[in-house]
């Protein structure tokens, strides 16, 4: 079961108040029917309201699946959106016009709650903190396995002990593979 922690308020949407648990009670069964699980929800005003539903393959969180193993394709997202739209219309939980988007959380996914920090230990992440740790309010480094309410973050030779309650926002950081070695171009022979 995905972590239900919302950073800040328990409702989605700022000035537009929507009950997250009621919304999840509609969204989760539809996602599961398509072999997906809900990772996160986001309701934002961007010139109009947008409800974003982030999904990955069902069981990915429980299995601590890697990002490629948890990835969903466009077809699955389209099927979830097609079936979710009328369910949300019937439930009528969002008191404004909105557009629905269903997608994967992406390679630079947000980290929500202890479970995500455990799952992605050993990966590079960017953490924005409420209070500075060793003079830093933004840390980019490799996550360690959380010890209670503290997550270790290593940046080169520096290590930080970050209280999870102090994390305002955290995202994985995508790293490109090593650059190809310079050399001769591969010329095909006929």
Protein backbone atom coordinates (compact mmCIF):
# COMPACT_ATOMS: atom_id res chain seq x y z
CA UNK A 1 0.00 0.00 0.00
CA UNK A 2 1.49 3.38 -1.00
CA UNK A 3 2.48 5.85 1.74
CA UNK A 4 -0.35 8.34 2.25
CA UNK A 5 1.80 11.14 3.64
CA UNK A 6 1.11 14.53 2.10
CA UNK A 7 3.67 17.19 2.77
CA UNK A 8 1.78 20.11 4.21
CA UNK A 9 -2.00 19.87 4.33
CA UNK A 10 -4.08 16.70 4.24
CA UNK A 11 -6.11 18.06 1.34
CA UNK A 12 -5.06 18.45 -2.26
CA UNK A 13 -5.22 21.59 -4.34
CA UNK A 14 -4.43 24.58 -2.15
CA UNK A 15 -7.49 26.87 -2.32
CA UNK A 16 -9.53 24.04 -3.85
CA UNK A 17 -10.13 21.60 -0.97
CA UNK A 18 -10.34 17.93 -1.95
CA UNK A 19 -10.23 14.99 0.45
CA UNK A 20 -7.21 12.85 -0.51
CA UNK A 21 -8.53 9.63 1.07
CA UNK A 22 -11.89 9.87 -0.71
CA UNK A 23 -10.11 10.58 -3.98
CA UNK A 24 -7.81 7.58 -3.47
CA UNK A 25 -10.84 5.38 -2.75
CA UNK A 26 -11.97 6.09 -6.33
CA UNK A 27 -8.57 6.14 -8.05
CA UNK A 28 -6.86 3.07 -6.51
CA UNK A 29 -9.39 0.37 -7.56
CA UNK A 30 -9.37 1.64 -11.16
CA UNK A 31 -5.56 1.62 -11.27
CA UNK A 32 -5.42 -1.88 -9.72
CA UNK A 33 -7.92 -3.18 -12.28
CA UNK A 34 -5.33 -2.29 -14.92
CA UNK A 35 -2.35 -3.81 -13.08
CA UNK A 36 -1.09 -0.52 -11.68
CA UNK A 37 -0.79 1.09 -8.25
CA UNK A 38 -1.09 4.74 -7.34
CA UNK A 39 2.22 6.36 -6.38
CA UNK A 40 0.99 9.92 -5.88
CA UNK A 41 -1.78 12.41 -6.65
CA UNK A 42 -1.38 16.07 -7.47
CA UNK A 43 -4.07 18.70 -7.99
CA UNK A 44 -2.67 21.97 -9.30
CA UNK A 45 -3.90 25.13 -10.90
CA UNK A 46 -1.97 25.81 -14.10
CA UNK A 47 -4.27 28.17 -15.96
CA UNK A 48 -6.95 25.58 -15.13
CA UNK A 49 -7.10 22.72 -12.64
CA UNK A 50 -5.17 19.53 -13.42
CA UNK A 51 -5.47 16.27 -11.50
CA UNK A 52 -2.32 14.22 -12.01
CA UNK A 53 -2.35 10.57 -11.05
CA UNK A 54 1.07 8.92 -10.96
CA UNK A 55 1.07 5.12 -11.31
CA UNK A 56 3.53 2.25 -11.58
CA UNK A 57 3.14 -1.51 -12.02
CA UNK A 58 1.14 -3.11 -9.21
CA UNK A 59 3.34 -4.54 -6.47
CA UNK A 60 6.36 -2.40 -7.35
CA UNK A 61 6.57 -0.67 -3.97
CA UNK A 62 6.20 -3.95 -2.07
CA UNK A 63 8.90 -5.61 -4.20
CA UNK A 64 11.20 -2.56 -4.00
CA UNK A 65 11.26 -2.66 -7.81
CA UNK A 66 13.73 -0.55 -9.73
CA UNK A 67 12.40 2.35 -11.79
CA UNK A 68 12.70 0.40 -15.08
CA UNK A 69 10.96 -2.65 -13.54
CA UNK A 70 8.14 -0.49 -12.16
CA UNK A 71 7.65 1.51 -15.37
CA UNK A 72 4.26 1.67 -17.05
CA UNK A 73 3.66 2.35 -20.71
CA UNK A 74 1.48 4.95 -22.41
CA UNK A 75 -1.20 2.37 -23.25
CA UNK A 76 -1.70 1.45 -19.59
CA UNK A 77 -1.90 5.12 -18.61
CA UNK A 78 -4.48 5.74 -21.35
CA UNK A 79 -6.61 2.79 -20.20
CA UNK A 80 -6.52 3.96 -16.57
CA UNK A 81 -7.45 7.51 -17.62
CA UNK A 82 -10.29 6.24 -19.85
CA UNK A 83 -11.87 4.27 -16.98
CA UNK A 84 -11.02 6.74 -14.23
CA UNK A 85 -12.58 9.80 -15.86
CA UNK A 86 -16.23 8.61 -15.63
CA UNK A 87 -15.66 7.23 -12.11
CA UNK A 88 -14.41 10.64 -10.97
CA UNK A 89 -17.33 12.35 -12.70
CA UNK A 90 -19.81 10.17 -10.81
CA UNK A 91 -18.03 10.66 -7.45
CA UNK A 92 -17.94 14.45 -8.07
CA UNK A 93 -15.22 15.06 -5.45
CA UNK A 94 -13.51 17.95 -7.24
CA UNK A 95 -15.72 21.08 -7.13
CA UNK A 96 -14.25 22.66 -10.28
CA UNK A 97 -13.56 21.83 -13.90
CA UNK A 98 -10.25 19.98 -14.30
CA UNK A 99 -8.19 17.94 -16.74
CA UNK A 100 -7.09 14.43 -15.81
CA UNK A 101 -3.53 13.24 -16.50
CA UNK A 102 -2.30 9.72 -15.73
CA UNK A 103 1.44 9.07 -16.02
CA UNK A 104 4.42 7.32 -14.50
CA UNK A 105 6.20 9.19 -11.70
CA UNK A 106 9.25 9.40 -13.99
CA UNK A 107 12.94 8.87 -13.38
CA UNK A 108 13.16 11.93 -11.13
CA UNK A 109 10.18 10.85 -9.08
CA UNK A 110 9.23 12.46 -5.81
CA UNK A 111 10.09 10.55 -2.65
CA UNK A 112 7.21 10.41 -0.18
CA UNK A 113 7.62 8.85 3.22
CA UNK A 114 10.05 6.41 4.79
CA UNK A 115 9.09 3.58 2.46
CA UNK A 116 10.37 5.47 -0.60
CA UNK A 117 13.63 6.36 1.16
CA UNK A 118 14.16 2.69 2.02
CA UNK A 119 13.26 1.58 -1.51
CA UNK A 120 15.64 4.02 -3.17
CA UNK A 121 18.58 3.73 -0.75
CA UNK A 122 21.80 3.80 -2.76
CA UNK A 123 20.29 6.16 -5.36
CA UNK A 124 21.14 9.81 -5.90
CA UNK A 125 18.53 12.30 -4.68
CA UNK A 126 17.98 16.01 -4.16
CA UNK A 127 16.51 17.00 -0.80
CA UNK A 128 15.14 20.45 0.05
CA UNK A 129 15.13 20.93 3.79
CA UNK A 130 13.05 23.08 6.16
CA UNK A 131 16.08 23.63 8.39
CA UNK A 132 19.73 23.68 7.34
CA UNK A 133 21.90 20.64 8.06
CA UNK A 134 25.60 21.57 8.30
CA UNK A 135 24.70 24.92 6.75
CA UNK A 136 22.91 23.33 3.76
CA UNK A 137 19.18 23.61 2.95
CA UNK A 138 19.55 21.71 -0.33
CA UNK A 139 21.46 18.44 -0.43
CA UNK A 140 22.27 16.32 -3.45
CA UNK A 141 23.79 12.96 -2.66
CA UNK A 142 23.39 9.23 -2.31
CA UNK A 143 20.67 8.07 0.05
CA UNK A 144 21.49 5.63 2.80
CA UNK A 145 18.99 3.33 4.49
CA UNK A 146 16.94 5.35 7.00
CA UNK A 147 17.68 4.63 10.65
CA UNK A 148 14.46 5.41 12.44
CA UNK A 149 13.52 8.97 11.52
CA UNK A 150 16.98 9.84 10.10
CA UNK A 151 18.15 9.32 6.53
CA UNK A 152 21.88 9.40 5.82
CA UNK A 153 22.92 11.33 2.70
CA UNK A 154 26.45 11.09 1.30
CA UNK A 155 27.86 13.71 -1.07
CA UNK A 156 31.37 12.67 -2.00
CA UNK A 157 33.30 12.52 1.26
CA UNK A 158 30.70 14.50 3.23
CA UNK A 159 27.91 12.73 5.08
CA UNK A 160 24.77 14.24 6.52
CA UNK A 161 22.20 12.87 8.97
CA UNK A 162 18.87 14.30 7.83
CA UNK A 163 15.74 14.10 9.97
CA UNK A 164 12.90 12.92 7.71
CA UNK A 165 10.57 15.47 9.33
CA UNK A 166 12.91 18.17 8.01
CA UNK A 167 12.56 17.07 4.37
CA UNK A 168 10.32 19.56 2.60
CA UNK A 169 10.71 17.96 -0.83
CA UNK A 170 12.81 15.09 -2.20
CA UNK A 171 13.31 13.75 -5.71
CA UNK A 172 15.53 11.15 -7.30
CA UNK A 173 18.21 12.60 -9.57
CA UNK A 174 18.61 10.95 -12.97
CA UNK A 175 22.20 10.33 -14.00
CA UNK A 176 23.24 9.63 -17.56
CA UNK A 177 25.50 6.63 -18.09
CA UNK A 178 29.21 7.10 -18.71
CA UNK A 179 30.19 9.06 -21.80
CA UNK A 180 31.39 6.95 -24.72
CA UNK A 181 35.15 6.72 -25.05
CA UNK A 182 36.62 8.74 -27.87
CA UNK A 183 37.94 6.72 -30.72
CA UNK A 184 37.30 5.60 -34.24
CA UNK A 185 33.79 5.76 -35.60
CA UNK A 186 32.17 2.43 -36.36
CA UNK A 187 32.22 2.19 -40.17
CA UNK A 188 29.98 -0.48 -41.64
CA UNK A 189 31.57 -2.63 -44.31
CA UNK A 190 29.76 -3.75 -47.43
